């Protein structure tokens, strides 16, 4: 069977991608509550029916936006960690990459300010665990296995680190722009201190 997609399938995929891009801009600029599906459709010269063809409602479209942002962020952090010379450097590079991502105004507003409201706190928290927990656990496991930190209860250490990074994301999203770089650096320093406190060397 040929794997070549039909023109209709290609058009459908392109429309879906365009809707997600337009929705990302709208949600980042105006927020979830103040964004209407009609406005998103109008931004790409589509009908409201075209939106409903791909997404059952505004919440479903927001969820797709959130998933795309988080997937891209995790892929970037994972790639940066994997490119490091050793697990210690990889963990610190991953930390910096995550905190820098939280300074991005689009990511910050959608993931940390709008998502808890649009998705509901429980679903948002589960989503954050889905995207972040695995990579944090992986990095800490590599640090223990390589001897960079002492053996620790990995699940507990992962949850503590997850909570610290979640606090960083929320704090940066809610803080004035003039304070964000300072707060980002303070969080980076505190997580580094925690890791050094576990150092085996």
N, C-alpha and C. Protein backbone atom coordinates (compact mmCIF):
# COMPACT_ATOMS: atom_id res chain seq x y z
N UNK A 1 0.85 -1.20 0.00
CA UNK A 1 0.00 0.00 0.00
C UNK A 1 0.88 1.25 0.00
N UNK A 2 0.51 2.21 -0.79
CA UNK A 2 1.32 3.43 -0.88
C UNK A 2 1.16 4.25 0.38
N UNK A 3 2.30 4.82 0.83
CA UNK A 3 2.27 5.67 2.03
C UNK A 3 2.03 7.13 1.67
N UNK A 4 1.91 7.41 0.36
CA UNK A 4 1.71 8.78 -0.08
C UNK A 4 0.34 9.27 0.35
N UNK A 5 0.30 10.44 0.95
CA UNK A 5 -0.97 11.00 1.42
C UNK A 5 -1.69 11.68 0.27
N UNK A 6 -3.00 11.59 0.31
CA UNK A 6 -3.81 12.25 -0.71
C UNK A 6 -3.76 13.76 -0.50
N UNK A 7 -4.15 14.47 -1.55
CA UNK A 7 -4.18 15.94 -1.44
C UNK A 7 -5.14 16.37 -0.34
N UNK A 8 -6.24 15.65 -0.19
CA UNK A 8 -7.21 15.99 0.85
C UNK A 8 -6.60 15.81 2.23
N UNK A 9 -5.86 14.72 2.43
CA UNK A 9 -5.21 14.47 3.72
C UNK A 9 -4.15 15.54 4.01
N UNK A 10 -3.39 15.90 3.00
CA UNK A 10 -2.37 16.94 3.17
C UNK A 10 -3.01 18.27 3.54
N UNK A 11 -4.12 18.59 2.88
CA UNK A 11 -4.84 19.84 3.18
C UNK A 11 -5.38 19.82 4.60
N UNK A 12 -5.93 18.66 5.01
CA UNK A 12 -6.49 18.54 6.36
C UNK A 12 -5.40 18.74 7.41
N UNK A 13 -4.25 18.11 7.20
CA UNK A 13 -3.15 18.24 8.16
C UNK A 13 -2.63 19.68 8.20
N UNK A 14 -2.56 20.31 7.02
CA UNK A 14 -2.09 21.70 6.97
C UNK A 14 -3.07 22.62 7.69
N UNK A 15 -4.35 22.37 7.52
CA UNK A 15 -5.37 23.19 8.20
C UNK A 15 -5.28 23.02 9.71
N UNK A 16 -5.12 21.79 10.16
CA UNK A 16 -5.00 21.54 11.60
C UNK A 16 -3.78 22.25 12.18
N UNK A 17 -2.65 22.16 11.47
CA UNK A 17 -1.43 22.83 11.94
C UNK A 17 -1.62 24.34 11.98
N UNK A 18 -2.29 24.89 10.97
CA UNK A 18 -2.52 26.33 10.92
C UNK A 18 -3.43 26.77 12.06
N UNK A 19 -4.43 25.95 12.37
CA UNK A 19 -5.32 26.28 13.49
C UNK A 19 -4.56 26.29 14.81
N UNK A 20 -3.67 25.32 15.00
CA UNK A 20 -2.88 25.27 16.23
C UNK A 20 -1.95 26.49 16.32
N UNK A 21 -1.34 26.86 15.21
CA UNK A 21 -0.47 28.04 15.21
C UNK A 21 -1.26 29.31 15.54
N UNK A 22 -2.41 29.47 14.90
CA UNK A 22 -3.23 30.65 15.15
C UNK A 22 -3.74 30.67 16.58
N UNK A 23 -4.15 29.50 17.07
CA UNK A 23 -4.64 29.42 18.45
C UNK A 23 -3.52 29.72 19.44
N UNK A 24 -2.32 29.27 19.15
CA UNK A 24 -1.19 29.56 20.03
C UNK A 24 -0.99 31.06 20.16
N UNK A 25 -1.03 31.75 19.04
CA UNK A 25 -0.87 33.22 19.08
C UNK A 25 -1.99 33.88 19.86
N UNK A 26 -3.21 33.43 19.63
CA UNK A 26 -4.36 34.02 20.31
C UNK A 26 -4.32 33.76 21.81
N UNK A 27 -4.09 32.52 22.19
CA UNK A 27 -4.07 32.18 23.62
C UNK A 27 -2.93 32.90 24.34
N UNK A 28 -1.79 33.05 23.68
CA UNK A 28 -0.65 33.72 24.30
C UNK A 28 -0.88 35.22 24.43
N UNK A 29 -1.66 35.77 23.52
CA UNK A 29 -1.89 37.22 23.52
C UNK A 29 -3.09 37.62 24.38
N UNK A 30 -4.19 36.89 24.23
CA UNK A 30 -5.44 37.29 24.87
C UNK A 30 -5.87 36.36 26.01
N UNK A 31 -5.27 35.18 26.09
CA UNK A 31 -5.69 34.22 27.10
C UNK A 31 -6.80 33.31 26.59
N UNK A 32 -7.03 32.23 27.32
CA UNK A 32 -8.03 31.24 26.91
C UNK A 32 -9.44 31.81 26.95
N UNK A 33 -9.80 32.44 28.05
CA UNK A 33 -11.18 32.91 28.22
C UNK A 33 -11.58 33.95 27.19
N UNK A 34 -10.67 34.81 26.81
CA UNK A 34 -10.98 35.92 25.91
C UNK A 34 -10.80 35.57 24.43
N UNK A 35 -10.48 34.32 24.14
CA UNK A 35 -10.29 33.89 22.76
C UNK A 35 -11.51 33.14 22.28
N UNK A 36 -12.01 33.52 21.11
CA UNK A 36 -13.16 32.84 20.51
C UNK A 36 -12.70 32.00 19.32
N UNK A 37 -13.36 30.88 19.12
CA UNK A 37 -13.02 30.02 17.99
C UNK A 37 -13.19 30.75 16.66
N UNK A 38 -14.17 31.64 16.60
CA UNK A 38 -14.39 32.40 15.37
C UNK A 38 -13.16 33.25 15.01
N UNK A 39 -12.52 33.81 16.04
CA UNK A 39 -11.34 34.63 15.79
C UNK A 39 -10.19 33.79 15.27
N UNK A 40 -10.02 32.60 15.83
CA UNK A 40 -8.96 31.70 15.39
C UNK A 40 -9.19 31.30 13.94
N UNK A 41 -10.43 30.94 13.63
CA UNK A 41 -10.76 30.55 12.26
C UNK A 41 -10.52 31.71 11.30
N UNK A 42 -10.93 32.91 11.72
CA UNK A 42 -10.76 34.09 10.87
C UNK A 42 -9.29 34.38 10.59
N UNK A 43 -8.44 34.11 11.54
CA UNK A 43 -7.00 34.38 11.37
C UNK A 43 -6.40 33.59 10.22
N UNK A 44 -6.98 32.45 9.90
CA UNK A 44 -6.42 31.63 8.81
C UNK A 44 -7.43 31.50 7.65
N UNK A 45 -8.42 32.40 7.65
CA UNK A 45 -9.45 32.40 6.59
C UNK A 45 -10.17 31.05 6.48
N UNK A 46 -10.47 30.49 7.64
CA UNK A 46 -11.21 29.23 7.69
C UNK A 46 -12.58 29.49 8.30
N UNK A 47 -13.47 28.52 8.16
CA UNK A 47 -14.79 28.63 8.75
C UNK A 47 -14.78 28.02 10.15
N UNK A 48 -15.79 28.36 10.92
CA UNK A 48 -15.93 27.74 12.23
C UNK A 48 -16.12 26.22 12.10
N UNK A 49 -16.78 25.82 11.02
CA UNK A 49 -16.97 24.40 10.77
C UNK A 49 -15.64 23.67 10.59
N UNK A 50 -14.68 24.37 9.97
CA UNK A 50 -13.36 23.75 9.80
C UNK A 50 -12.69 23.50 11.14
N UNK A 51 -12.92 24.42 12.07
CA UNK A 51 -12.37 24.23 13.42
C UNK A 51 -12.98 22.98 14.05
N UNK A 52 -14.30 22.88 13.98
CA UNK A 52 -14.99 21.75 14.61
C UNK A 52 -14.71 20.43 13.91
N UNK A 53 -14.26 20.50 12.68
CA UNK A 53 -13.86 19.27 11.99
C UNK A 53 -12.65 18.64 12.68
N UNK A 54 -11.78 19.48 13.23
CA UNK A 54 -10.55 18.99 13.85
C UNK A 54 -10.63 18.95 15.37
N UNK A 55 -11.40 19.85 15.97
CA UNK A 55 -11.44 19.96 17.44
C UNK A 55 -12.89 20.09 17.90
N UNK A 56 -13.25 19.33 18.91
CA UNK A 56 -14.64 19.31 19.35
C UNK A 56 -15.08 20.61 20.01
N UNK A 57 -14.13 21.33 20.60
CA UNK A 57 -14.46 22.61 21.25
C UNK A 57 -13.16 23.38 21.51
N UNK A 58 -13.29 24.54 22.12
CA UNK A 58 -12.12 25.39 22.36
C UNK A 58 -11.14 24.72 23.31
N UNK A 59 -11.65 24.00 24.28
CA UNK A 59 -10.77 23.31 25.23
C UNK A 59 -9.92 22.26 24.52
N UNK A 60 -10.51 21.54 23.59
CA UNK A 60 -9.76 20.53 22.84
C UNK A 60 -8.66 21.17 22.00
N UNK A 61 -8.95 22.32 21.43
CA UNK A 61 -7.93 23.04 20.66
C UNK A 61 -6.82 23.53 21.58
N UNK A 62 -7.20 24.05 22.74
CA UNK A 62 -6.18 24.49 23.69
C UNK A 62 -5.31 23.32 24.12
N UNK A 63 -5.93 22.17 24.37
CA UNK A 63 -5.16 20.99 24.78
C UNK A 63 -4.12 20.62 23.72
N UNK A 64 -4.50 20.72 22.45
CA UNK A 64 -3.56 20.43 21.37
C UNK A 64 -2.41 21.43 21.35
N UNK A 65 -2.71 22.69 21.60
CA UNK A 65 -1.68 23.72 21.68
C UNK A 65 -0.72 23.42 22.82
N UNK A 66 -1.28 23.11 23.98
CA UNK A 66 -0.47 22.81 25.16
C UNK A 66 0.42 21.60 24.91
N UNK A 67 -0.14 20.56 24.33
CA UNK A 67 0.64 19.35 24.06
C UNK A 67 1.79 19.63 23.09
N UNK A 68 1.53 20.45 22.09
CA UNK A 68 2.58 20.75 21.12
C UNK A 68 3.72 21.54 21.77
N UNK A 69 3.37 22.52 22.59
CA UNK A 69 4.40 23.30 23.27
C UNK A 69 5.23 22.44 24.22
N UNK A 70 4.56 21.59 24.98
CA UNK A 70 5.28 20.76 25.94
C UNK A 70 6.13 19.70 25.24
N UNK A 71 5.61 19.12 24.19
CA UNK A 71 6.38 18.11 23.45
C UNK A 71 7.65 18.71 22.88
N UNK A 72 7.53 19.92 22.33
CA UNK A 72 8.70 20.58 21.76
C UNK A 72 9.71 20.93 22.84
N UNK A 73 9.22 21.38 24.00
CA UNK A 73 10.11 21.75 25.10
C UNK A 73 10.86 20.53 25.63
N UNK A 74 10.16 19.43 25.83
CA UNK A 74 10.80 18.21 26.32
C UNK A 74 11.83 17.69 25.32
N UNK A 75 11.49 17.73 24.04
CA UNK A 75 12.43 17.27 23.01
C UNK A 75 13.70 18.11 23.02
N UNK A 76 13.53 19.41 23.19
CA UNK A 76 14.70 20.31 23.21
C UNK A 76 15.58 20.04 24.43
N UNK A 77 14.96 19.93 25.60
CA UNK A 77 15.72 19.67 26.82
C UNK A 77 16.43 18.32 26.75
N UNK A 78 15.74 17.32 26.24
CA UNK A 78 16.32 15.98 26.11
C UNK A 78 17.52 15.99 25.17
N UNK A 79 17.38 16.68 24.06
CA UNK A 79 18.47 16.77 23.08
C UNK A 79 19.69 17.46 23.68
N UNK A 80 19.46 18.53 24.42
CA UNK A 80 20.56 19.27 25.04
C UNK A 80 21.27 18.41 26.08
N UNK A 81 20.51 17.70 26.89
CA UNK A 81 21.11 16.84 27.91
C UNK A 81 21.93 15.72 27.26
N UNK A 82 21.40 15.15 26.19
CA UNK A 82 22.08 14.03 25.52
C UNK A 82 23.38 14.47 24.85
N UNK A 83 23.47 15.74 24.49
CA UNK A 83 24.66 16.22 23.78
C UNK A 83 25.81 16.58 24.72
N UNK A 84 25.55 16.56 26.04
CA UNK A 84 26.58 16.95 27.00
C UNK A 84 27.65 15.88 27.13
N UNK A 85 28.80 16.30 27.64
CA UNK A 85 29.95 15.39 27.75
C UNK A 85 29.76 14.34 28.84
N UNK A 86 28.97 14.65 29.85
CA UNK A 86 28.77 13.70 30.96
C UNK A 86 27.41 14.00 31.60
N UNK A 87 26.90 13.08 32.45
CA UNK A 87 25.58 13.27 33.05
C UNK A 87 25.44 14.53 33.90
N UNK A 88 26.50 14.90 34.61
CA UNK A 88 26.45 16.10 35.44
C UNK A 88 26.23 17.34 34.58
N UNK A 89 27.05 17.49 33.56
CA UNK A 89 26.90 18.62 32.65
C UNK A 89 25.54 18.57 31.96
N UNK A 90 25.12 17.37 31.59
CA UNK A 90 23.82 17.21 30.94
C UNK A 90 22.68 17.67 31.81
N UNK A 91 22.73 17.33 33.10
CA UNK A 91 21.67 17.74 34.02
C UNK A 91 21.63 19.25 34.18
N UNK A 92 22.80 19.87 34.30
CA UNK A 92 22.84 21.33 34.46
C UNK A 92 22.43 22.04 33.18
N UNK A 93 22.84 21.50 32.04
CA UNK A 93 22.42 22.10 30.76
C UNK A 93 20.91 21.97 30.57
N UNK A 94 20.36 20.83 30.99
CA UNK A 94 18.92 20.62 30.89
C UNK A 94 18.17 21.60 31.79
N UNK A 95 18.70 21.81 32.98
CA UNK A 95 18.10 22.78 33.91
C UNK A 95 18.07 24.17 33.28
N UNK A 96 19.19 24.59 32.73
CA UNK A 96 19.26 25.91 32.11
C UNK A 96 18.30 26.02 30.93
N UNK A 97 18.21 24.95 30.14
CA UNK A 97 17.32 24.97 28.98
C UNK A 97 15.86 25.09 29.41
N UNK A 98 15.50 24.36 30.48
CA UNK A 98 14.12 24.44 30.97
C UNK A 98 13.81 25.85 31.48
N UNK A 99 14.69 26.40 32.29
CA UNK A 99 14.43 27.72 32.85
C UNK A 99 14.40 28.79 31.76
N UNK A 100 15.26 28.65 30.76
CA UNK A 100 15.22 29.59 29.65
C UNK A 100 13.90 29.47 28.89
N UNK A 101 13.40 28.24 28.74
CA UNK A 101 12.12 28.03 28.08
C UNK A 101 11.01 28.75 28.84
N UNK A 102 11.10 28.75 30.17
CA UNK A 102 10.09 29.41 30.98
C UNK A 102 10.11 30.92 30.86
N UNK A 103 11.20 31.46 30.31
CA UNK A 103 11.26 32.91 30.05
C UNK A 103 10.58 33.28 28.74
N UNK A 104 10.31 32.28 27.90
CA UNK A 104 9.62 32.56 26.64
C UNK A 104 8.18 32.96 26.93
N UNK A 105 7.74 34.12 26.49
CA UNK A 105 6.40 34.61 26.88
C UNK A 105 5.25 33.73 26.40
N UNK A 106 5.39 33.12 25.23
CA UNK A 106 4.32 32.26 24.72
C UNK A 106 4.21 30.99 25.56
N UNK A 107 5.32 30.32 25.75
CA UNK A 107 5.34 29.09 26.57
C UNK A 107 4.89 29.41 27.99
N UNK A 108 5.42 30.47 28.55
CA UNK A 108 5.14 30.81 29.93
C UNK A 108 3.65 31.05 30.16
N UNK A 109 3.05 31.87 29.30
CA UNK A 109 1.64 32.19 29.53
C UNK A 109 0.74 30.97 29.32
N UNK A 110 0.96 30.24 28.23
CA UNK A 110 0.06 29.13 27.92
C UNK A 110 0.23 27.98 28.90
N UNK A 111 1.47 27.59 29.19
CA UNK A 111 1.71 26.41 30.03
C UNK A 111 1.46 26.69 31.50
N UNK A 112 1.90 27.85 31.98
CA UNK A 112 1.88 28.10 33.42
C UNK A 112 0.72 28.97 33.91
N UNK A 113 0.16 29.79 33.02
CA UNK A 113 -0.94 30.66 33.45
C UNK A 113 -2.29 30.21 32.92
N UNK A 114 -2.35 29.88 31.65
CA UNK A 114 -3.64 29.56 31.04
C UNK A 114 -4.04 28.09 31.21
N UNK A 115 -3.08 27.18 31.12
CA UNK A 115 -3.41 25.75 31.14
C UNK A 115 -4.11 25.29 32.42
N UNK A 116 -3.68 25.73 33.61
CA UNK A 116 -4.39 25.27 34.81
C UNK A 116 -5.87 25.66 34.81
N UNK A 117 -6.19 26.78 34.17
CA UNK A 117 -7.58 27.24 34.09
C UNK A 117 -8.31 26.52 32.97
N UNK A 118 -7.69 26.47 31.79
CA UNK A 118 -8.34 25.90 30.62
C UNK A 118 -8.56 24.39 30.75
N UNK A 119 -7.59 23.70 31.31
CA UNK A 119 -7.67 22.24 31.42
C UNK A 119 -8.20 21.78 32.77
N UNK A 120 -8.17 22.66 33.76
CA UNK A 120 -8.47 22.25 35.13
C UNK A 120 -7.17 21.84 35.80
N UNK A 121 -7.05 22.15 37.09
CA UNK A 121 -5.76 21.95 37.76
C UNK A 121 -5.31 20.50 37.72
N UNK A 122 -6.21 19.56 37.96
CA UNK A 122 -5.81 18.15 38.03
C UNK A 122 -5.30 17.64 36.69
N UNK A 123 -6.02 17.95 35.61
CA UNK A 123 -5.56 17.49 34.30
C UNK A 123 -4.25 18.17 33.91
N UNK A 124 -4.14 19.46 34.21
CA UNK A 124 -2.90 20.17 33.91
C UNK A 124 -1.73 19.55 34.68
N UNK A 125 -1.93 19.25 35.95
CA UNK A 125 -0.86 18.68 36.77
C UNK A 125 -0.46 17.31 36.23
N UNK A 126 -1.44 16.51 35.85
CA UNK A 126 -1.13 15.20 35.27
C UNK A 126 -0.34 15.36 33.97
N UNK A 127 -0.71 16.34 33.18
CA UNK A 127 0.01 16.58 31.92
C UNK A 127 1.45 16.98 32.19
N UNK A 128 1.65 17.84 33.18
CA UNK A 128 3.02 18.26 33.50
C UNK A 128 3.84 17.08 33.98
N UNK A 129 3.24 16.21 34.75
CA UNK A 129 3.95 15.00 35.18
C UNK A 129 4.30 14.13 33.97
N UNK A 130 3.37 14.02 33.04
CA UNK A 130 3.60 13.20 31.84
C UNK A 130 4.82 13.70 31.07
N UNK A 131 4.93 15.01 30.94
CA UNK A 131 6.03 15.56 30.13
C UNK A 131 7.33 15.70 30.93
N UNK A 132 7.24 16.10 32.18
CA UNK A 132 8.46 16.44 32.91
C UNK A 132 9.01 15.31 33.78
N UNK A 133 8.12 14.50 34.37
CA UNK A 133 8.58 13.52 35.35
C UNK A 133 9.60 12.55 34.75
N UNK A 134 9.33 12.07 33.56
CA UNK A 134 10.20 11.08 32.95
C UNK A 134 11.61 11.56 32.72
N UNK A 135 11.75 12.77 32.20
CA UNK A 135 13.09 13.27 31.90
C UNK A 135 13.84 13.60 33.19
N UNK A 136 13.14 14.12 34.21
CA UNK A 136 13.80 14.38 35.49
C UNK A 136 14.30 13.08 36.10
N UNK A 137 13.46 12.06 36.09
CA UNK A 137 13.84 10.74 36.63
C UNK A 137 15.04 10.18 35.86
N UNK A 138 15.01 10.33 34.56
CA UNK A 138 16.10 9.84 33.71
C UNK A 138 17.42 10.54 34.05
N UNK A 139 17.38 11.85 34.21
CA UNK A 139 18.60 12.61 34.51
C UNK A 139 19.15 12.24 35.89
N UNK A 140 18.27 12.13 36.88
CA UNK A 140 18.73 11.76 38.22
C UNK A 140 19.28 10.34 38.25
N UNK A 141 18.64 9.45 37.51
CA UNK A 141 19.13 8.07 37.42
C UNK A 141 20.53 8.03 36.84
N UNK A 142 20.77 8.83 35.81
CA UNK A 142 22.09 8.88 35.18
C UNK A 142 23.13 9.46 36.14
N UNK A 143 22.73 10.43 36.97
CA UNK A 143 23.66 11.01 37.93
C UNK A 143 24.06 9.99 38.99
N UNK A 144 23.11 9.19 39.44
CA UNK A 144 23.42 8.15 40.42
C UNK A 144 24.29 7.07 39.78
N UNK A 145 23.91 6.61 38.60
CA UNK A 145 24.62 5.52 37.94
C UNK A 145 26.06 5.90 37.62
N UNK A 146 26.29 7.17 37.32
CA UNK A 146 27.64 7.63 36.96
C UNK A 146 28.47 8.00 38.18
N UNK A 147 27.85 7.97 39.37
CA UNK A 147 28.58 8.31 40.59
C UNK A 147 28.67 9.80 40.87
N UNK A 148 27.94 10.61 40.12
CA UNK A 148 28.00 12.06 40.35
C UNK A 148 27.24 12.48 41.60
N UNK A 149 26.20 11.73 41.96
CA UNK A 149 25.52 11.99 43.23
C UNK A 149 25.36 10.67 43.97
N UNK A 150 25.17 10.77 45.27
CA UNK A 150 24.99 9.59 46.10
C UNK A 150 23.68 8.89 45.73
N UNK A 151 23.59 7.59 45.98
CA UNK A 151 22.31 6.90 45.76
C UNK A 151 21.20 7.55 46.59
N UNK A 152 20.09 7.83 45.95
CA UNK A 152 18.95 8.46 46.61
C UNK A 152 17.68 7.72 46.19
N UNK A 153 16.60 7.85 46.97
CA UNK A 153 15.31 7.29 46.52
C UNK A 153 14.86 8.07 45.28
N UNK A 154 14.97 7.45 44.13
CA UNK A 154 14.82 8.19 42.88
C UNK A 154 13.42 8.77 42.68
N UNK A 155 12.38 8.02 43.06
CA UNK A 155 11.03 8.54 42.87
C UNK A 155 10.81 9.79 43.73
N UNK A 156 11.28 9.72 44.98
CA UNK A 156 11.12 10.87 45.87
C UNK A 156 11.95 12.05 45.39
N UNK A 157 13.19 11.79 44.99
CA UNK A 157 14.05 12.86 44.49
C UNK A 157 13.47 13.49 43.23
N UNK A 158 12.86 12.67 42.40
CA UNK A 158 12.25 13.19 41.17
C UNK A 158 11.08 14.09 41.51
N UNK A 159 10.25 13.69 42.46
CA UNK A 159 9.08 14.50 42.83
C UNK A 159 9.50 15.82 43.48
N UNK A 160 10.55 15.79 44.28
CA UNK A 160 11.04 17.03 44.89
C UNK A 160 11.55 17.98 43.81
N UNK A 161 12.33 17.44 42.88
CA UNK A 161 12.86 18.27 41.80
C UNK A 161 11.74 18.78 40.90
N UNK A 162 10.78 17.91 40.61
CA UNK A 162 9.62 18.28 39.81
C UNK A 162 8.88 19.46 40.45
N UNK A 163 8.70 19.40 41.77
CA UNK A 163 8.01 20.47 42.47
C UNK A 163 8.79 21.78 42.42
N UNK A 164 10.10 21.70 42.57
CA UNK A 164 10.93 22.90 42.50
C UNK A 164 10.85 23.56 41.12
N UNK A 165 10.91 22.74 40.07
CA UNK A 165 10.87 23.28 38.72
C UNK A 165 9.48 23.81 38.38
N UNK A 166 8.44 23.14 38.90
CA UNK A 166 7.09 23.65 38.71
C UNK A 166 6.91 24.99 39.39
N UNK A 167 7.50 25.13 40.57
CA UNK A 167 7.45 26.41 41.27
C UNK A 167 8.17 27.49 40.46
N UNK A 168 9.28 27.12 39.85
CA UNK A 168 10.03 28.07 39.02
C UNK A 168 9.17 28.54 37.85
N UNK A 169 8.53 27.60 37.16
CA UNK A 169 7.71 27.96 36.01
C UNK A 169 6.58 28.88 36.40
N UNK A 170 5.87 28.55 37.48
CA UNK A 170 4.75 29.37 37.93
C UNK A 170 5.21 30.75 38.38
N UNK A 171 6.30 30.79 39.14
CA UNK A 171 6.81 32.07 39.64
C UNK A 171 7.23 32.98 38.49
N UNK A 172 7.95 32.44 37.53
CA UNK A 172 8.39 33.26 36.40
C UNK A 172 7.20 33.77 35.60
N UNK A 173 6.18 32.93 35.42
CA UNK A 173 5.02 33.33 34.64
C UNK A 173 4.23 34.44 35.32
N UNK A 174 4.25 34.45 36.64
CA UNK A 174 3.44 35.42 37.39
C UNK A 174 4.22 36.68 37.77
N UNK A 175 5.52 36.72 37.48
CA UNK A 175 6.35 37.84 37.90
C UNK A 175 6.49 38.89 36.81
N UNK A 176 6.71 40.15 37.19
CA UNK A 176 6.96 41.20 36.19
C UNK A 176 8.19 40.87 35.35
N UNK A 177 8.19 41.31 34.12
CA UNK A 177 9.29 41.01 33.21
C UNK A 177 10.62 41.46 33.77
N UNK A 178 10.64 42.58 34.48
CA UNK A 178 11.90 43.12 35.00
C UNK A 178 12.54 42.22 36.06
N UNK A 179 11.75 41.32 36.66
CA UNK A 179 12.26 40.45 37.72
C UNK A 179 12.58 39.04 37.23
N UNK A 180 12.17 38.71 36.02
CA UNK A 180 12.22 37.32 35.60
C UNK A 180 13.63 36.75 35.46
N UNK A 181 14.56 37.51 34.91
CA UNK A 181 15.91 36.99 34.75
C UNK A 181 16.56 36.72 36.12
N UNK A 182 16.34 37.63 37.05
CA UNK A 182 16.89 37.44 38.40
C UNK A 182 16.29 36.19 39.04
N UNK A 183 15.00 36.03 38.95
CA UNK A 183 14.34 34.87 39.54
C UNK A 183 14.78 33.58 38.86
N UNK A 184 14.92 33.63 37.54
CA UNK A 184 15.40 32.46 36.81
C UNK A 184 16.76 32.03 37.33
N UNK A 185 17.66 33.00 37.52
CA UNK A 185 19.01 32.69 38.00
C UNK A 185 18.99 32.19 39.44
N UNK A 186 18.09 32.73 40.25
CA UNK A 186 17.99 32.27 41.64
C UNK A 186 17.50 30.82 41.71
N UNK A 187 16.53 30.48 40.89
CA UNK A 187 16.06 29.09 40.85
C UNK A 187 17.17 28.17 40.35
N UNK A 188 17.88 28.59 39.33
CA UNK A 188 18.99 27.78 38.82
C UNK A 188 20.02 27.52 39.92
N UNK A 189 20.33 28.56 40.68
CA UNK A 189 21.32 28.43 41.75
C UNK A 189 20.83 27.48 42.84
N UNK A 190 19.54 27.57 43.19
CA UNK A 190 19.02 26.72 44.26
C UNK A 190 19.00 25.24 43.84
N UNK A 191 18.61 24.97 42.61
CA UNK A 191 18.61 23.57 42.15
C UNK A 191 20.04 23.04 42.07
N UNK A 192 20.97 23.87 41.61
CA UNK A 192 22.38 23.46 41.58
C UNK A 192 22.89 23.15 42.99
N UNK A 193 22.52 23.97 43.95
CA UNK A 193 22.94 23.73 45.34
C UNK A 193 22.39 22.41 45.86
N UNK A 194 21.13 22.12 45.50
CA UNK A 194 20.54 20.86 45.92
C UNK A 194 21.32 19.68 45.33
N UNK A 195 21.64 19.76 44.05
CA UNK A 195 22.37 18.68 43.41
C UNK A 195 23.78 18.54 43.98
N UNK A 196 24.42 19.68 44.24
CA UNK A 196 25.77 19.61 44.84
C UNK A 196 25.72 19.01 46.23
N UNK A 197 24.61 19.24 46.94
CA UNK A 197 24.46 18.66 48.27
C UNK A 197 24.36 17.14 48.22
N UNK A 198 23.97 16.62 47.07
CA UNK A 198 23.88 15.16 46.89
C UNK A 198 25.13 14.60 46.24
N UNK A 199 26.08 15.47 45.96
CA UNK A 199 27.27 15.05 45.21
C UNK A 199 28.04 13.97 45.95
N UNK A 200 28.53 13.02 45.18
CA UNK A 200 29.32 11.92 45.76
C UNK A 200 30.80 12.29 45.87
N UNK A 201 31.17 13.42 45.29
CA UNK A 201 32.58 13.79 45.26
C UNK A 201 32.99 14.72 46.37
